[in-house]
Amino acid sequence: MSTERLNRINELARKAKSEGLTEAEKEEQQRLRNEYLAAFRANVIAQLDNTYIVDENGNERKLKMRDK
């Protein structure tokens, strides 16, 4: 996610606290938040995909995703 979009999220949050948002701004804020969360989740999943657990014997095993 670009710094422009993060700055816009923060700008909308500050405006919401100080003077309130219009309906269009609320929709934009929600869209940007959803985009941010999707990017965050993708980054966490990518990091966990490259995570290995090392046991006391030095054996490495890939971290597996748990079933929901």
PDB file of N, CA and C in Angstrom:
ATOM      1  N   MET A   1       0.847  -1.169   0.000  1.00  0.00           N
ATOM      2  CA  MET A   1       0.000   0.000   0.000  1.00  0.00           C
ATOM      3  C   MET A   1       0.894   1.233   0.000  1.00  0.00           C
ATOM      4  N   SER A   2       0.526   2.201  -0.806  1.00  0.00           N
ATOM      5  CA  SER A   2       1.359   3.397  -0.960  1.00  0.00           C
ATOM      6  C   SER A   2       1.219   4.346   0.230  1.00  0.00           C
ATOM      7  N   THR A   3       2.217   5.174   0.384  1.00  0.00           N
ATOM      8  CA  THR A   3       2.195   6.160   1.469  1.00  0.00           C
ATOM      9  C   THR A   3       1.085   7.174   1.258  1.00  0.00           C
ATOM     10  N   GLU A   4       0.763   7.454   0.005  1.00  0.00           N
ATOM     11  CA  GLU A   4      -0.346   8.383  -0.274  1.00  0.00           C
ATOM     12  C   GLU A   4      -1.646   7.877   0.334  1.00  0.00           C
ATOM     13  N   ARG A   5      -1.899   6.590   0.131  1.00  0.00           N
ATOM     14  CA  ARG A   5      -3.148   6.007   0.637  1.00  0.00           C
ATOM     15  C   ARG A   5      -3.148   5.963   2.165  1.00  0.00           C
ATOM     16  N   LEU A   6      -2.011   5.631   2.759  1.00  0.00           N
ATOM     17  CA  LEU A   6      -1.929   5.632   4.219  1.00  0.00           C
ATOM     18  C   LEU A   6      -2.142   7.038   4.777  1.00  0.00           C
ATOM     19  N   ASN A   7      -1.550   8.021   4.118  1.00  0.00           N
ATOM     20  CA  ASN A   7      -1.746   9.400   4.550  1.00  0.00           C
ATOM     21  C   ASN A   7      -3.213   9.803   4.435  1.00  0.00           C
ATOM     22  N   ARG A   8      -3.873   9.348   3.373  1.00  0.00           N
ATOM     23  CA  ARG A   8      -5.296   9.671   3.188  1.00  0.00           C
ATOM     24  C   ARG A   8      -6.147   9.013   4.278  1.00  0.00           C
ATOM     25  N   ILE A   9      -5.815   7.779   4.646  1.00  0.00           N
ATOM     26  CA  ILE A   9      -6.537   7.107   5.739  1.00  0.00           C
ATOM     27  C   ILE A   9      -6.401   7.919   7.018  1.00  0.00           C
ATOM     28  N   ASN A  10      -5.179   8.345   7.319  1.00  0.00           N
ATOM     29  CA  ASN A  10      -4.937   9.125   8.536  1.00  0.00           C
ATOM     30  C   ASN A  10      -5.625  10.481   8.479  1.00  0.00           C
ATOM     31  N   GLU A  11      -5.613  11.094   7.309  1.00  0.00           N
ATOM     32  CA  GLU A  11      -6.274  12.387   7.133  1.00  0.00           C
ATOM     33  C   GLU A  11      -7.776  12.265   7.382  1.00  0.00           C
ATOM     34  N   LEU A  12      -8.387  11.223   6.834  1.00  0.00           N
ATOM     35  CA  LEU A  12      -9.819  11.011   7.040  1.00  0.00           C
ATOM     36  C   LEU A  12     -10.131  10.703   8.501  1.00  0.00           C
ATOM     37  N   ALA A  13      -9.252   9.964   9.163  1.00  0.00           N
ATOM     38  CA  ALA A  13      -9.465   9.658  10.582  1.00  0.00           C
ATOM     39  C   ALA A  13      -9.418  10.925  11.422  1.00  0.00           C
ATOM     40  N   ARG A  14      -8.442  11.796  11.130  1.00  0.00           N
ATOM     41  CA  ARG A  14      -8.353  13.061  11.875  1.00  0.00           C
ATOM     42  C   ARG A  14      -9.586  13.925  11.615  1.00  0.00           C
ATOM     43  N   LYS A  15     -10.016  13.981  10.364  1.00  0.00           N
ATOM     44  CA  LYS A  15     -11.185  14.789  10.020  1.00  0.00           C
ATOM     45  C   LYS A  15     -12.448  14.237  10.681  1.00  0.00           C
ATOM     46  N   ALA A  16     -12.561  12.913  10.751  1.00  0.00           N
ATOM     47  CA  ALA A  16     -13.730  12.290  11.380  1.00  0.00           C
ATOM     48  C   ALA A  16     -13.816  12.676  12.854  1.00  0.00           C
ATOM     49  N   LYS A  17     -12.664  12.754  13.514  1.00  0.00           N
ATOM     50  CA  LYS A  17     -12.648  13.123  14.932  1.00  0.00           C
ATOM     51  C   LYS A  17     -12.956  14.602  15.136  1.00  0.00           C
ATOM     52  N   SER A  18     -12.461  15.443  14.244  1.00  0.00           N
ATOM     53  CA  SER A  18     -12.586  16.878  14.466  1.00  0.00           C
ATOM     54  C   SER A  18     -13.910  17.448  13.971  1.00  0.00           C
ATOM     55  N   GLU A  19     -14.280  17.152  12.741  1.00  0.00           N
ATOM     56  CA  GLU A  19     -15.491  17.793  12.197  1.00  0.00           C
ATOM     57  C   GLU A  19     -16.490  16.851  11.589  1.00  0.00           C
ATOM     58  N   GLY A  20     -16.166  15.588  11.444  1.00  0.00           N
ATOM     59  CA  GLY A  20     -17.083  14.630  10.848  1.00  0.00           C
ATOM     60  C   GLY A  20     -16.839  14.483   9.357  1.00  0.00           C
ATOM     61  N   LEU A  21     -17.382  13.397   8.812  1.00  0.00           N
ATOM     62  CA  LEU A  21     -17.175  13.097   7.398  1.00  0.00           C
ATOM     63  C   LEU A  21     -18.491  13.116   6.635  1.00  0.00           C
ATOM     64  N   THR A  22     -18.396  13.426   5.350  1.00  0.00           N
ATOM     65  CA  THR A  22     -19.567  13.318   4.479  1.00  0.00           C
ATOM     66  C   THR A  22     -19.752  11.836   4.142  1.00  0.00           C
ATOM     67  N   GLU A  23     -20.884  11.506   3.543  1.00  0.00           N
ATOM     68  CA  GLU A  23     -21.146  10.123   3.168  1.00  0.00           C
ATOM     69  C   GLU A  23     -20.096   9.616   2.179  1.00  0.00           C
ATOM     70  N   ALA A  24     -19.710  10.450   1.219  1.00  0.00           N
ATOM     71  CA  ALA A  24     -18.697  10.051   0.232  1.00  0.00           C
ATOM     72  C   ALA A  24     -17.357   9.787   0.919  1.00  0.00           C
ATOM     73  N   GLU A  25     -17.016  10.610   1.892  1.00  0.00           N
ATOM     74  CA  GLU A  25     -15.758  10.419   2.615  1.00  0.00           C
ATOM     75  C   GLU A  25     -15.809   9.163   3.483  1.00  0.00           C
ATOM     76  N   LYS A  26     -16.970   8.873   4.071  1.00  0.00           N
ATOM     77  CA  LYS A  26     -17.112   7.651   4.865  1.00  0.00           C
ATOM     78  C   LYS A  26     -16.924   6.422   3.989  1.00  0.00           C
ATOM     79  N   GLU A  27     -17.488   6.458   2.782  1.00  0.00           N
ATOM     80  CA  GLU A  27     -17.337   5.341   1.854  1.00  0.00           C
ATOM     81  C   GLU A  27     -15.875   5.185   1.436  1.00  0.00           C
ATOM     82  N   GLU A  28     -15.215   6.313   1.163  1.00  0.00           N
ATOM     83  CA  GLU A  28     -13.803   6.283   0.788  1.00  0.00           C
ATOM     84  C   GLU A  28     -12.965   5.719   1.927  1.00  0.00           C
ATOM     85  N   GLN A  29     -13.268   6.156   3.146  1.00  0.00           N
ATOM     86  CA  GLN A  29     -12.529   5.691   4.316  1.00  0.00           C
ATOM     87  C   GLN A  29     -12.688   4.175   4.479  1.00  0.00           C
ATOM     88  N   GLN A  30     -13.907   3.682   4.319  1.00  0.00           N
ATOM     89  CA  GLN A  30     -14.150   2.249   4.460  1.00  0.00           C
ATOM     90  C   GLN A  30     -13.440   1.456   3.366  1.00  0.00           C
ATOM     91  N   ARG A  31     -13.461   1.978   2.141  1.00  0.00           N
ATOM     92  CA  ARG A  31     -12.789   1.319   1.017  1.00  0.00           C
ATOM     93  C   ARG A  31     -11.279   1.260   1.266  1.00  0.00           C
ATOM     94  N   LEU A  32     -10.710   2.380   1.722  1.00  0.00           N
ATOM     95  CA  LEU A  32      -9.269   2.418   2.002  1.00  0.00           C
ATOM     96  C   LEU A  32      -8.892   1.498   3.158  1.00  0.00           C
ATOM     97  N   ARG A  33      -9.730   1.437   4.178  1.00  0.00           N
ATOM     98  CA  ARG A  33      -9.466   0.548   5.312  1.00  0.00           C
ATOM     99  C   ARG A  33      -9.483  -0.908   4.870  1.00  0.00           C
ATOM    100  N   ASN A  34     -10.468  -1.263   4.032  1.00  0.00           N
ATOM    101  CA  ASN A  34     -10.545  -2.637   3.540  1.00  0.00           C
ATOM    102  C   ASN A  34      -9.329  -2.981   2.685  1.00  0.00           C
ATOM    103  N   GLU A  35      -8.893  -2.040   1.879  1.00  0.00           N
ATOM    104  CA  GLU A  35      -7.701  -2.236   1.052  1.00  0.00           C
ATOM    105  C   GLU A  35      -6.464  -2.428   1.942  1.00  0.00           C
ATOM    106  N   TYR A  36      -6.356  -1.611   2.988  1.00  0.00           N
ATOM    107  CA  TYR A  36      -5.239  -1.717   3.922  1.00  0.00           C
ATOM    108  C   TYR A  36      -5.242  -3.083   4.613  1.00  0.00           C
ATOM    109  N   LEU A  37      -6.411  -3.516   5.086  1.00  0.00           N
ATOM    110  CA  LEU A  37      -6.497  -4.799   5.776  1.00  0.00           C
ATOM    111  C   LEU A  37      -6.148  -5.961   4.848  1.00  0.00           C
ATOM    112  N   ALA A  38      -6.579  -5.895   3.597  1.00  0.00           N
ATOM    113  CA  ALA A  38      -6.253  -6.944   2.631  1.00  0.00           C
ATOM    114  C   ALA A  38      -4.742  -7.010   2.409  1.00  0.00           C
ATOM    115  N   ALA A  39      -4.096  -5.861   2.283  1.00  0.00           N
ATOM    116  CA  ALA A  39      -2.648  -5.820   2.095  1.00  0.00           C
ATOM    117  C   ALA A  39      -1.932  -6.337   3.342  1.00  0.00           C
ATOM    118  N   PHE A  40      -2.416  -5.960   4.511  1.00  0.00           N
ATOM    119  CA  PHE A  40      -1.825  -6.406   5.769  1.00  0.00           C
ATOM    120  C   PHE A  40      -1.913  -7.921   5.892  1.00  0.00           C
ATOM    121  N   ARG A  41      -3.104  -8.473   5.627  1.00  0.00           N
ATOM    122  CA  ARG A  41      -3.287  -9.923   5.712  1.00  0.00           C
ATOM    123  C   ARG A  41      -2.388 -10.654   4.725  1.00  0.00           C
ATOM    124  N   ALA A  42      -2.278 -10.128   3.514  1.00  0.00           N
ATOM    125  CA  ALA A  42      -1.425 -10.756   2.498  1.00  0.00           C
ATOM    126  C   ALA A  42       0.033 -10.763   2.953  1.00  0.00           C
ATOM    127  N   ASN A  43       0.482  -9.675   3.570  1.00  0.00           N
ATOM    128  CA  ASN A  43       1.863  -9.603   4.071  1.00  0.00           C
ATOM    129  C   ASN A  43       2.113 -10.601   5.196  1.00  0.00           C
ATOM    130  N   VAL A  44       1.153 -10.740   6.095  1.00  0.00           N
ATOM    131  CA  VAL A  44       1.305 -11.679   7.210  1.00  0.00           C
ATOM    132  C   VAL A  44       1.342 -13.109   6.674  1.00  0.00           C
ATOM    133  N   ILE A  45       0.448 -13.430   5.745  1.00  0.00           N
ATOM    134  CA  ILE A  45       0.420 -14.776   5.169  1.00  0.00           C
ATOM    135  C   ILE A  45       1.722 -15.070   4.440  1.00  0.00           C
ATOM    136  N   ALA A  46       2.241 -14.100   3.684  1.00  0.00           N
ATOM    137  CA  ALA A  46       3.504 -14.291   2.969  1.00  0.00           C
ATOM    138  C   ALA A  46       4.644 -14.538   3.953  1.00  0.00           C
ATOM    139  N   GLN A  47       4.651 -13.814   5.049  1.00  0.00           N
ATOM    140  CA  GLN A  47       5.709 -14.005   6.044  1.00  0.00           C
ATOM    141  C   GLN A  47       5.596 -15.378   6.693  1.00  0.00           C
ATOM    142  N   LEU A  48       4.376 -15.792   7.021  1.00  0.00           N
ATOM    143  CA  LEU A  48       4.197 -17.099   7.657  1.00  0.00           C
ATOM    144  C   LEU A  48       4.520 -18.239   6.692  1.00  0.00           C
ATOM    145  N   ASP A  49       4.312 -18.019   5.390  1.00  0.00           N
ATOM    146  CA  ASP A  49       4.656 -19.033   4.396  1.00  0.00           C
ATOM    147  C   ASP A  49       6.161 -19.290   4.360  1.00  0.00           C
ATOM    148  N   ASN A  50       6.943 -18.335   4.802  1.00  0.00           N
ATOM    149  CA  ASN A  50       8.397 -18.477   4.806  1.00  0.00           C
ATOM    150  C   ASN A  50       8.952 -18.706   6.213  1.00  0.00           C
ATOM    151  N   THR A  51       8.110 -19.168   7.121  1.00  0.00           N
ATOM    152  CA  THR A  51       8.516 -19.390   8.501  1.00  0.00           C
ATOM    153  C   THR A  51       8.721 -20.883   8.749  1.00  0.00           C
ATOM    154  N   TYR A  52       9.834 -21.212   9.376  1.00  0.00           N
ATOM    155  CA  TYR A  52      10.143 -22.596   9.727  1.00  0.00           C
ATOM    156  C   TYR A  52      10.320 -22.692  11.234  1.00  0.00           C
ATOM    157  N   ILE A  53       9.928 -23.833  11.774  1.00  0.00           N
ATOM    158  CA  ILE A  53      10.096 -24.099  13.199  1.00  0.00           C
ATOM    159  C   ILE A  53      11.264 -25.063  13.348  1.00  0.00           C
ATOM    160  N   VAL A  54      12.179 -24.757  14.254  1.00  0.00           N
ATOM    161  CA  VAL A  54      13.341 -25.609  14.498  1.00  0.00           C
ATOM    162  C   VAL A  54      13.151 -26.256  15.864  1.00  0.00           C
ATOM    163  N   ASP A  55      13.165 -27.601  15.886  1.00  0.00           N
ATOM    164  CA  ASP A  55      13.010 -28.291  17.166  1.00  0.00           C
ATOM    165  C   ASP A  55      14.356 -28.396  17.890  1.00  0.00           C
ATOM    166  N   GLU A  56      14.335 -29.037  19.057  1.00  0.00           N
ATOM    167  CA  GLU A  56      15.548 -29.110  19.876  1.00  0.00           C
ATOM    168  C   GLU A  56      16.670 -29.922  19.222  1.00  0.00           C
ATOM    169  N   ASN A  57      16.345 -30.757  18.235  1.00  0.00           N
ATOM    170  CA  ASN A  57      17.346 -31.548  17.513  1.00  0.00           C
ATOM    171  C   ASN A  57      17.888 -30.823  16.287  1.00  0.00           C
ATOM    172  N   GLY A  58      17.397 -29.631  16.028  1.00  0.00           N
ATOM    173  CA  GLY A  58      17.861 -28.868  14.885  1.00  0.00           C
ATOM    174  C   GLY A  58      17.093 -29.149  13.599  1.00  0.00           C
ATOM    175  N   ASN A  59      16.047 -29.961  13.699  1.00  0.00           N
ATOM    176  CA  ASN A  59      15.243 -30.261  12.515  1.00  0.00           C
ATOM    177  C   ASN A  59      14.315 -29.095  12.203  1.00  0.00           C
ATOM    178  N   GLU A  60      14.275 -28.730  10.930  1.00  0.00           N
ATOM    179  CA  GLU A  60      13.388 -27.645  10.511  1.00  0.00           C
ATOM    180  C   GLU A  60      12.140 -28.234   9.890  1.00  0.00           C
ATOM    181  N   ARG A  61      11.019 -27.611  10.198  1.00  0.00           N
ATOM    182  CA  ARG A  61       9.777 -27.996   9.524  1.00  0.00           C
ATOM    183  C   ARG A  61       9.006 -26.726   9.210  1.00  0.00           C
ATOM    184  N   LYS A  62       8.371 -26.759   8.071  1.00  0.00           N
ATOM    185  CA  LYS A  62       7.626 -25.597   7.601  1.00  0.00           C
ATOM    186  C   LYS A  62       6.387 -25.405   8.468  1.00  0.00           C
ATOM    187  N   LEU A  63       6.083 -24.174   8.757  1.00  0.00           N
ATOM    188  CA  LEU A  63       4.886 -23.835   9.510  1.00  0.00           C
ATOM    189  C   LEU A  63       3.683 -24.083   8.625  1.00  0.00           C
ATOM    190  N   LYS A  64       2.719 -24.852   9.105  1.00  0.00           N
ATOM    191  CA  LYS A  64       1.549 -25.192   8.304  1.00  0.00           C
ATOM    192  C   LYS A  64       0.363 -24.317   8.695  1.00  0.00           C
ATOM    193  N   MET A  65      -0.467 -24.017   7.705  1.00  0.00           N
ATOM    194  CA  MET A  65      -1.672 -23.250   7.965  1.00  0.00           C
ATOM    195  C   MET A  65      -2.715 -24.182   8.592  1.00  0.00           C
ATOM    196  N   ARG A  66      -3.344 -23.720   9.641  1.00  0.00           N
ATOM    197  CA  ARG A  66      -4.343 -24.508  10.339  1.00  0.00           C
ATOM    198  C   ARG A  66      -5.663 -24.441   9.586  1.00  0.00           C
ATOM    199  N   ASP A  67      -6.421 -25.532   9.586  1.00  0.00           N
ATOM    200  CA  ASP A  67      -7.745 -25.525   8.969  1.00  0.00           C
ATOM    201  C   ASP A  67      -8.675 -24.656   9.804  1.00  0.00           C
ATOM    202  N   LYS A  68      -9.585 -24.011   9.102  1.00  0.00           N
ATOM    203  CA  LYS A  68     -10.518 -23.112   9.809  1.00  0.00           C
ATOM    204  C   LYS A  68     -11.601 -23.885  10.506  1.00  0.00           C
TER     205      LYS A  68
END
